[in-house]
Amino acid sequence: MRELIDKIGRRITAGAELRIADAREGRVVEAALALLLELLPLDEERRTEACIYQAFVAEAANDSVIAEIRQGADDGVRQQCRHTLESLAEFGHVAASRVIDIEVERLHALLDGLTAHLLARPEDTPFARVEGLLLTHLHDLGKPGYRGSLQ
């Protein structure tokens, strides 16, 4: 499992370097979208990785070592969500009323939900829909949002 997580991390890090260049050229939302799409099972390799990860999620309830590895992977996704949102905020694409901690949780939940849909019924979740959902979410961040707090 650790090897799988490391492999995914290397792929995302390599993609992040390209996205930083996009952001510097003013394509911030597009760069964020591309980075988030890397986290989703949109091709056979990533579907296989996500299926293996889901099996580990199920097993984590019974094995503390697996639970720790799963938590590390989950923390990595959350960290990527935070980094993406902080970058968007830095370039003025997140409304001042948005609470980054809440937005991290919302984005992470969206990615988890999309992953579940892509694994369960990929034929009902075409790329254009996934891309549209993420773009809608990213653009909505620029609008005023709920000012609540995490419990």
N, C-alpha and C. Protein backbone atom coordinates (compact mmCIF):
# COMPACT_ATOMS: atom_id res chain seq x y z
N MET A 1 0.83 -1.20 0.00
CA MET A 1 0.00 0.00 0.00
C MET A 1 0.87 1.25 0.00
N ARG A 2 1.93 1.20 0.82
CA ARG A 2 2.82 2.36 0.88
C ARG A 2 3.45 2.65 -0.48
N GLU A 3 3.81 1.59 -1.19
CA GLU A 3 4.40 1.76 -2.52
C GLU A 3 3.40 2.43 -3.47
N LEU A 4 2.16 2.01 -3.38
CA LEU A 4 1.11 2.60 -4.21
C LEU A 4 0.94 4.08 -3.90
N ILE A 5 0.91 4.41 -2.62
CA ILE A 5 0.76 5.81 -2.21
C ILE A 5 1.95 6.63 -2.68
N ASP A 6 3.15 6.08 -2.54
CA ASP A 6 4.35 6.79 -3.00
C ASP A 6 4.32 7.01 -4.51
N LYS A 7 3.88 6.00 -5.26
CA LYS A 7 3.79 6.12 -6.72
C LYS A 7 2.80 7.22 -7.11
N ILE A 8 1.65 7.24 -6.47
CA ILE A 8 0.65 8.26 -6.75
C ILE A 8 1.21 9.64 -6.40
N GLY A 9 1.89 9.72 -5.26
CA GLY A 9 2.48 10.99 -4.84
C GLY A 9 3.49 11.51 -5.85
N ARG A 10 4.31 10.62 -6.39
CA ARG A 10 5.30 11.04 -7.39
C ARG A 10 4.61 11.56 -8.65
N ARG A 11 3.55 10.89 -9.09
CA ARG A 11 2.82 11.33 -10.28
C ARG A 11 2.20 12.71 -10.05
N ILE A 12 1.62 12.91 -8.89
CA ILE A 12 0.97 14.19 -8.59
C ILE A 12 2.01 15.29 -8.46
N THR A 13 3.13 14.99 -7.83
CA THR A 13 4.20 15.98 -7.69
C THR A 13 4.73 16.40 -9.05
N ALA A 14 4.92 15.44 -9.93
CA ALA A 14 5.40 15.77 -11.29
C ALA A 14 4.39 16.65 -12.00
N GLY A 15 3.12 16.33 -11.87
CA GLY A 15 2.08 17.15 -12.48
C GLY A 15 2.00 18.53 -11.86
N ALA A 16 2.29 18.61 -10.57
CA ALA A 16 2.22 19.90 -9.87
C ALA A 16 3.24 20.88 -10.44
N GLU A 17 4.41 20.39 -10.82
CA GLU A 17 5.42 21.27 -11.39
C GLU A 17 4.90 21.94 -12.66
N LEU A 18 4.22 21.18 -13.49
CA LEU A 18 3.65 21.75 -14.72
C LEU A 18 2.53 22.74 -14.38
N ARG A 19 1.75 22.44 -13.38
CA ARG A 19 0.62 23.31 -13.01
C ARG A 19 1.09 24.64 -12.43
N ILE A 20 2.23 24.62 -11.74
CA ILE A 20 2.79 25.87 -11.21
C ILE A 20 3.13 26.81 -12.36
N ALA A 21 3.69 26.27 -13.41
CA ALA A 21 4.00 27.08 -14.59
C ALA A 21 2.72 27.65 -15.19
N ASP A 22 1.65 26.85 -15.27
CA ASP A 22 0.37 27.35 -15.76
C ASP A 22 -0.14 28.49 -14.90
N ALA A 23 -0.05 28.33 -13.59
CA ALA A 23 -0.54 29.36 -12.66
C ALA A 23 0.23 30.66 -12.84
N ARG A 24 1.53 30.55 -13.04
CA ARG A 24 2.35 31.76 -13.23
C ARG A 24 1.98 32.49 -14.51
N GLU A 25 1.41 31.76 -15.46
CA GLU A 25 0.99 32.38 -16.72
C GLU A 25 -0.44 32.87 -16.66
N GLY A 26 -1.05 32.85 -15.47
CA GLY A 26 -2.40 33.38 -15.29
C GLY A 26 -3.52 32.38 -15.46
N ARG A 27 -3.17 31.14 -15.69
CA ARG A 27 -4.20 30.11 -15.86
C ARG A 27 -4.37 29.35 -14.54
N VAL A 28 -4.75 30.08 -13.50
CA VAL A 28 -4.78 29.53 -12.15
C VAL A 28 -5.88 28.48 -12.00
N VAL A 29 -7.09 28.80 -12.41
CA VAL A 29 -8.20 27.86 -12.26
C VAL A 29 -7.94 26.62 -13.12
N GLU A 30 -7.43 26.81 -14.31
CA GLU A 30 -7.13 25.68 -15.19
C GLU A 30 -6.04 24.79 -14.57
N ALA A 31 -5.05 25.42 -13.95
CA ALA A 31 -3.99 24.66 -13.29
C ALA A 31 -4.54 23.87 -12.12
N ALA A 32 -5.41 24.50 -11.33
CA ALA A 32 -6.03 23.81 -10.20
C ALA A 32 -6.88 22.63 -10.69
N LEU A 33 -7.64 22.86 -11.73
CA LEU A 33 -8.48 21.80 -12.29
C LEU A 33 -7.62 20.61 -12.73
N ALA A 34 -6.57 20.88 -13.46
CA ALA A 34 -5.70 19.81 -13.95
C ALA A 34 -5.10 19.01 -12.79
N LEU A 35 -4.70 19.71 -11.74
CA LEU A 35 -4.12 19.03 -10.59
C LEU A 35 -5.16 18.16 -9.89
N LEU A 36 -6.37 18.67 -9.73
CA LEU A 36 -7.44 17.89 -9.08
C LEU A 36 -7.83 16.68 -9.92
N LEU A 37 -7.84 16.84 -11.22
CA LEU A 37 -8.18 15.72 -12.10
C LEU A 37 -7.18 14.57 -11.95
N GLU A 38 -5.92 14.92 -11.61
CA GLU A 38 -4.90 13.89 -11.40
C GLU A 38 -5.26 12.98 -10.22
N LEU A 39 -6.06 13.49 -9.29
CA LEU A 39 -6.42 12.72 -8.10
C LEU A 39 -7.56 11.73 -8.35
N LEU A 40 -8.20 11.83 -9.50
CA LEU A 40 -9.38 11.02 -9.78
C LEU A 40 -9.08 9.83 -10.69
N PRO A 41 -9.82 8.73 -10.53
CA PRO A 41 -9.60 7.53 -11.35
C PRO A 41 -10.20 7.66 -12.75
N LEU A 42 -9.53 8.43 -13.59
CA LEU A 42 -10.04 8.73 -14.92
C LEU A 42 -9.43 7.87 -16.03
N ASP A 43 -8.49 7.02 -15.66
CA ASP A 43 -7.93 6.08 -16.63
C ASP A 43 -7.76 4.73 -15.93
N GLU A 44 -7.38 3.74 -16.69
CA GLU A 44 -7.32 2.37 -16.15
C GLU A 44 -6.33 2.27 -14.99
N GLU A 45 -5.17 2.89 -15.13
CA GLU A 45 -4.16 2.82 -14.07
C GLU A 45 -4.69 3.43 -12.77
N ARG A 46 -5.28 4.60 -12.86
CA ARG A 46 -5.79 5.26 -11.65
C ARG A 46 -7.03 4.55 -11.11
N ARG A 47 -7.83 3.93 -11.96
CA ARG A 47 -8.97 3.13 -11.47
C ARG A 47 -8.46 1.95 -10.65
N THR A 48 -7.43 1.29 -11.15
CA THR A 48 -6.84 0.17 -10.42
C THR A 48 -6.31 0.65 -9.07
N GLU A 49 -5.59 1.76 -9.07
CA GLU A 49 -5.07 2.31 -7.82
C GLU A 49 -6.20 2.62 -6.84
N ALA A 50 -7.26 3.23 -7.35
CA ALA A 50 -8.38 3.60 -6.48
C ALA A 50 -9.09 2.37 -5.93
N CYS A 51 -9.21 1.33 -6.73
CA CYS A 51 -9.84 0.09 -6.25
C CYS A 51 -9.00 -0.54 -5.14
N ILE A 52 -7.69 -0.56 -5.33
CA ILE A 52 -6.80 -1.08 -4.29
C ILE A 52 -6.93 -0.24 -3.03
N TYR A 53 -6.95 1.07 -3.19
CA TYR A 53 -7.08 1.96 -2.04
C TYR A 53 -8.40 1.69 -1.31
N GLN A 54 -9.50 1.52 -2.05
CA GLN A 54 -10.80 1.25 -1.42
C GLN A 54 -10.76 -0.05 -0.63
N ALA A 55 -10.06 -1.05 -1.13
CA ALA A 55 -9.92 -2.31 -0.39
C ALA A 55 -9.17 -2.07 0.92
N PHE A 56 -8.17 -1.21 0.88
CA PHE A 56 -7.43 -0.88 2.10
C PHE A 56 -8.30 -0.08 3.06
N VAL A 57 -9.15 0.78 2.54
CA VAL A 57 -10.06 1.54 3.40
C VAL A 57 -10.94 0.57 4.18
N ALA A 58 -11.47 -0.43 3.50
CA ALA A 58 -12.32 -1.42 4.16
C ALA A 58 -11.54 -2.21 5.21
N GLU A 59 -10.32 -2.59 4.89
CA GLU A 59 -9.51 -3.39 5.80
C GLU A 59 -8.99 -2.57 6.98
N ALA A 60 -8.89 -1.26 6.83
CA ALA A 60 -8.34 -0.40 7.88
C ALA A 60 -9.13 -0.50 9.18
N ALA A 61 -10.40 -0.84 9.10
CA ALA A 61 -11.22 -0.97 10.31
C ALA A 61 -10.73 -2.12 11.19
N ASN A 62 -10.01 -3.07 10.60
CA ASN A 62 -9.57 -4.26 11.34
C ASN A 62 -8.07 -4.32 11.58
N ASP A 63 -7.33 -3.39 11.03
CA ASP A 63 -5.87 -3.47 11.10
C ASP A 63 -5.29 -2.08 11.33
N SER A 64 -4.66 -1.88 12.48
CA SER A 64 -4.16 -0.55 12.83
C SER A 64 -3.01 -0.10 11.93
N VAL A 65 -2.20 -1.02 11.44
CA VAL A 65 -1.11 -0.65 10.54
C VAL A 65 -1.68 -0.14 9.22
N ILE A 66 -2.65 -0.86 8.68
CA ILE A 66 -3.30 -0.43 7.44
C ILE A 66 -4.04 0.89 7.67
N ALA A 67 -4.66 1.02 8.84
CA ALA A 67 -5.38 2.26 9.16
C ALA A 67 -4.43 3.46 9.15
N GLU A 68 -3.23 3.26 9.67
CA GLU A 68 -2.24 4.34 9.69
C GLU A 68 -1.80 4.72 8.27
N ILE A 69 -1.58 3.73 7.43
CA ILE A 69 -1.19 3.99 6.04
C ILE A 69 -2.33 4.70 5.31
N ARG A 70 -3.56 4.22 5.51
CA ARG A 70 -4.72 4.84 4.88
C ARG A 70 -4.87 6.29 5.33
N GLN A 71 -4.66 6.53 6.62
CA GLN A 71 -4.75 7.90 7.14
C GLN A 71 -3.71 8.80 6.48
N GLY A 72 -2.51 8.27 6.27
CA GLY A 72 -1.47 9.04 5.60
C GLY A 72 -1.86 9.41 4.18
N ALA A 73 -2.46 8.46 3.47
CA ALA A 73 -2.92 8.74 2.10
C ALA A 73 -4.03 9.79 2.11
N ASP A 74 -4.95 9.64 3.04
CA ASP A 74 -6.05 10.59 3.16
C ASP A 74 -5.52 11.99 3.49
N ASP A 75 -4.54 12.04 4.39
CA ASP A 75 -3.93 13.33 4.73
C ASP A 75 -3.25 13.95 3.52
N GLY A 76 -2.67 13.12 2.66
CA GLY A 76 -2.04 13.63 1.45
C GLY A 76 -3.03 14.28 0.51
N VAL A 77 -4.20 13.68 0.36
CA VAL A 77 -5.25 14.27 -0.48
C VAL A 77 -5.72 15.58 0.14
N ARG A 78 -5.92 15.57 1.46
CA ARG A 78 -6.36 16.78 2.15
C ARG A 78 -5.31 17.90 1.99
N GLN A 79 -4.05 17.54 2.10
CA GLN A 79 -2.97 18.52 1.93
C GLN A 79 -2.98 19.09 0.51
N GLN A 80 -3.22 18.24 -0.48
CA GLN A 80 -3.28 18.73 -1.86
C GLN A 80 -4.47 19.66 -2.04
N CYS A 81 -5.60 19.33 -1.41
CA CYS A 81 -6.77 20.22 -1.46
C CYS A 81 -6.42 21.58 -0.85
N ARG A 82 -5.76 21.55 0.31
CA ARG A 82 -5.38 22.81 0.97
C ARG A 82 -4.43 23.62 0.10
N HIS A 83 -3.43 22.97 -0.45
CA HIS A 83 -2.47 23.67 -1.30
C HIS A 83 -3.17 24.30 -2.51
N THR A 84 -4.07 23.55 -3.12
CA THR A 84 -4.80 24.05 -4.28
C THR A 84 -5.63 25.27 -3.90
N LEU A 85 -6.34 25.18 -2.79
CA LEU A 85 -7.20 26.30 -2.36
C LEU A 85 -6.37 27.51 -1.95
N GLU A 86 -5.27 27.29 -1.27
CA GLU A 86 -4.41 28.42 -0.88
C GLU A 86 -3.82 29.10 -2.11
N SER A 87 -3.47 28.32 -3.12
CA SER A 87 -2.97 28.90 -4.37
C SER A 87 -4.05 29.72 -5.07
N LEU A 88 -5.26 29.18 -5.12
CA LEU A 88 -6.38 29.92 -5.71
C LEU A 88 -6.63 31.22 -4.94
N ALA A 89 -6.57 31.15 -3.63
CA ALA A 89 -6.79 32.34 -2.80
C ALA A 89 -5.70 33.38 -3.04
N GLU A 90 -4.48 32.91 -3.16
CA GLU A 90 -3.34 33.82 -3.41
C GLU A 90 -3.54 34.62 -4.69
N PHE A 91 -4.16 34.01 -5.68
CA PHE A 91 -4.39 34.68 -6.96
C PHE A 91 -5.77 35.32 -7.05
N GLY A 92 -6.47 35.42 -5.90
CA GLY A 92 -7.74 36.13 -5.86
C GLY A 92 -8.94 35.36 -6.36
N HIS A 93 -8.86 34.03 -6.37
CA HIS A 93 -9.97 33.23 -6.88
C HIS A 93 -10.82 32.60 -5.78
N VAL A 94 -10.61 33.04 -4.53
CA VAL A 94 -11.42 32.57 -3.41
C VAL A 94 -11.93 33.80 -2.67
N ALA A 95 -13.25 33.88 -2.51
CA ALA A 95 -13.86 35.03 -1.84
C ALA A 95 -13.35 35.12 -0.40
N ALA A 96 -13.20 36.35 0.09
CA ALA A 96 -12.69 36.58 1.44
C ALA A 96 -13.58 35.94 2.50
N SER A 97 -14.86 35.78 2.21
CA SER A 97 -15.78 35.19 3.19
C SER A 97 -15.62 33.67 3.32
N ARG A 98 -14.89 33.06 2.43
CA ARG A 98 -14.69 31.61 2.49
C ARG A 98 -13.69 31.25 3.59
N VAL A 99 -14.00 30.23 4.33
CA VAL A 99 -13.11 29.71 5.37
C VAL A 99 -12.34 28.53 4.76
N ILE A 100 -11.04 28.70 4.64
CA ILE A 100 -10.23 27.70 3.94
C ILE A 100 -10.39 26.30 4.55
N ASP A 101 -10.44 26.20 5.87
CA ASP A 101 -10.59 24.88 6.49
C ASP A 101 -11.88 24.19 6.04
N ILE A 102 -12.96 24.95 5.94
CA ILE A 102 -14.23 24.39 5.47
C ILE A 102 -14.11 24.01 4.00
N GLU A 103 -13.48 24.88 3.22
CA GLU A 103 -13.35 24.61 1.78
C GLU A 103 -12.48 23.40 1.51
N VAL A 104 -11.47 23.17 2.36
CA VAL A 104 -10.64 21.97 2.22
C VAL A 104 -11.52 20.73 2.40
N GLU A 105 -12.36 20.73 3.42
CA GLU A 105 -13.24 19.59 3.67
C GLU A 105 -14.24 19.40 2.53
N ARG A 106 -14.78 20.50 2.03
CA ARG A 106 -15.75 20.41 0.93
C ARG A 106 -15.10 19.83 -0.33
N LEU A 107 -13.91 20.33 -0.66
CA LEU A 107 -13.22 19.85 -1.86
C LEU A 107 -12.83 18.38 -1.71
N HIS A 108 -12.34 18.03 -0.53
CA HIS A 108 -11.95 16.64 -0.28
C HIS A 108 -13.17 15.73 -0.41
N ALA A 109 -14.31 16.14 0.14
CA ALA A 109 -15.54 15.35 0.03
C ALA A 109 -15.99 15.23 -1.43
N LEU A 110 -15.86 16.31 -2.19
CA LEU A 110 -16.22 16.27 -3.61
C LEU A 110 -15.34 15.26 -4.35
N LEU A 111 -14.05 15.28 -4.09
CA LEU A 111 -13.14 14.33 -4.73
C LEU A 111 -13.47 12.89 -4.33
N ASP A 112 -13.75 12.68 -3.04
CA ASP A 112 -14.12 11.33 -2.59
C ASP A 112 -15.40 10.87 -3.27
N GLY A 113 -16.38 11.75 -3.36
CA GLY A 113 -17.65 11.40 -4.01
C GLY A 113 -17.48 11.10 -5.48
N LEU A 114 -16.71 11.93 -6.16
CA LEU A 114 -16.46 11.68 -7.59
C LEU A 114 -15.72 10.36 -7.79
N THR A 115 -14.77 10.08 -6.90
CA THR A 115 -14.05 8.81 -6.99
C THR A 115 -15.02 7.64 -6.85
N ALA A 116 -15.92 7.72 -5.88
CA ALA A 116 -16.90 6.65 -5.68
C ALA A 116 -17.78 6.47 -6.92
N HIS A 117 -18.23 7.57 -7.49
CA HIS A 117 -19.06 7.49 -8.70
C HIS A 117 -18.28 6.92 -9.88
N LEU A 118 -17.04 7.36 -10.04
CA LEU A 118 -16.22 6.88 -11.15
C LEU A 118 -15.91 5.39 -11.03
N LEU A 119 -15.79 4.90 -9.81
CA LEU A 119 -15.52 3.47 -9.62
C LEU A 119 -16.79 2.64 -9.76
N ALA A 120 -17.88 3.13 -9.21
CA ALA A 120 -19.12 2.35 -9.21
C ALA A 120 -19.80 2.32 -10.57
N ARG A 121 -19.84 3.47 -11.24
CA ARG A 121 -20.56 3.56 -12.51
C ARG A 121 -19.84 4.50 -13.47
N PRO A 122 -18.69 4.10 -13.95
CA PRO A 122 -17.92 4.99 -14.82
C PRO A 122 -18.66 5.41 -16.08
N GLU A 123 -19.52 4.54 -16.59
CA GLU A 123 -20.26 4.88 -17.81
C GLU A 123 -21.26 6.01 -17.57
N ASP A 124 -21.68 6.21 -16.32
CA ASP A 124 -22.61 7.29 -15.98
C ASP A 124 -21.90 8.55 -15.51
N THR A 125 -20.57 8.52 -15.52
CA THR A 125 -19.79 9.65 -15.03
C THR A 125 -18.74 10.02 -16.08
N PRO A 126 -19.17 10.59 -17.20
CA PRO A 126 -18.21 10.93 -18.26
C PRO A 126 -17.26 12.05 -17.82
N PHE A 127 -16.12 12.07 -18.48
CA PHE A 127 -15.09 13.06 -18.16
C PHE A 127 -15.65 14.48 -18.19
N ALA A 128 -16.44 14.81 -19.19
CA ALA A 128 -16.98 16.18 -19.30
C ALA A 128 -17.80 16.56 -18.07
N ARG A 129 -18.54 15.61 -17.53
CA ARG A 129 -19.34 15.89 -16.33
C ARG A 129 -18.42 16.12 -15.12
N VAL A 130 -17.42 15.26 -14.97
CA VAL A 130 -16.47 15.40 -13.86
C VAL A 130 -15.78 16.76 -13.95
N GLU A 131 -15.29 17.08 -15.13
CA GLU A 131 -14.61 18.36 -15.34
C GLU A 131 -15.56 19.52 -15.04
N GLY A 132 -16.79 19.43 -15.50
CA GLY A 132 -17.77 20.48 -15.26
C GLY A 132 -18.09 20.66 -13.79
N LEU A 133 -18.22 19.56 -13.06
CA LEU A 133 -18.49 19.65 -11.62
C LEU A 133 -17.34 20.32 -10.88
N LEU A 134 -16.11 19.93 -11.22
CA LEU A 134 -14.95 20.55 -10.57
C LEU A 134 -14.83 22.02 -10.94
N LEU A 135 -15.03 22.35 -12.21
CA LEU A 135 -14.96 23.76 -12.62
C LEU A 135 -16.02 24.60 -11.93
N THR A 136 -17.23 24.07 -11.82
CA THR A 136 -18.29 24.79 -11.13
C THR A 136 -17.88 25.05 -9.68
N HIS A 137 -17.34 24.03 -9.04
CA HIS A 137 -16.90 24.19 -7.66
C HIS A 137 -15.80 25.25 -7.55
N LEU A 138 -14.82 25.17 -8.43
CA LEU A 138 -13.71 26.13 -8.37
C LEU A 138 -14.19 27.56 -8.63
N HIS A 139 -15.08 27.74 -9.57
CA HIS A 139 -15.59 29.09 -9.85
C HIS A 139 -16.48 29.60 -8.72
N ASP A 140 -17.23 28.70 -8.09
CA ASP A 140 -18.08 29.11 -6.96
C ASP A 140 -17.27 29.62 -5.78
N LEU A 141 -16.03 29.19 -5.67
CA LEU A 141 -15.18 29.66 -4.57
C LEU A 141 -14.99 31.17 -4.59
N GLY A 142 -15.12 31.76 -5.75
CA GLY A 142 -14.96 33.21 -5.88
C GLY A 142 -16.16 33.99 -5.39
N LYS A 143 -17.25 33.29 -5.10
CA LYS A 143 -18.48 33.94 -4.61
C LYS A 143 -18.51 33.85 -3.09
N PRO A 144 -19.19 34.80 -2.44
CA PRO A 144 -19.29 34.73 -0.97
C PRO A 144 -19.89 33.40 -0.54
N GLY A 145 -19.39 32.88 0.57
CA GLY A 145 -19.87 31.59 1.05
C GLY A 145 -20.28 31.64 2.51
N TYR A 146 -20.73 30.52 2.99
CA TYR A 146 -21.15 30.35 4.37
C TYR A 146 -19.98 30.66 5.30
N ARG A 147 -20.26 31.38 6.38
CA ARG A 147 -19.20 31.77 7.31
C ARG A 147 -19.16 30.91 8.56
N GLY A 148 -19.69 29.72 8.49
CA GLY A 148 -19.72 28.84 9.65
C GLY A 148 -18.33 28.35 10.02
N SER A 149 -18.30 27.45 10.97
CA SER A 149 -17.02 26.89 11.39
C SER A 149 -17.13 25.37 11.44
N LEU A 150 -15.99 24.73 11.45
CA LEU A 150 -15.95 23.28 11.58
C LEU A 150 -16.16 22.93 13.04
N GLN A 151 -16.90 21.92 13.29
CA GLN A 151 -17.17 21.49 14.68
C GLN A 151 -16.09 20.56 15.15
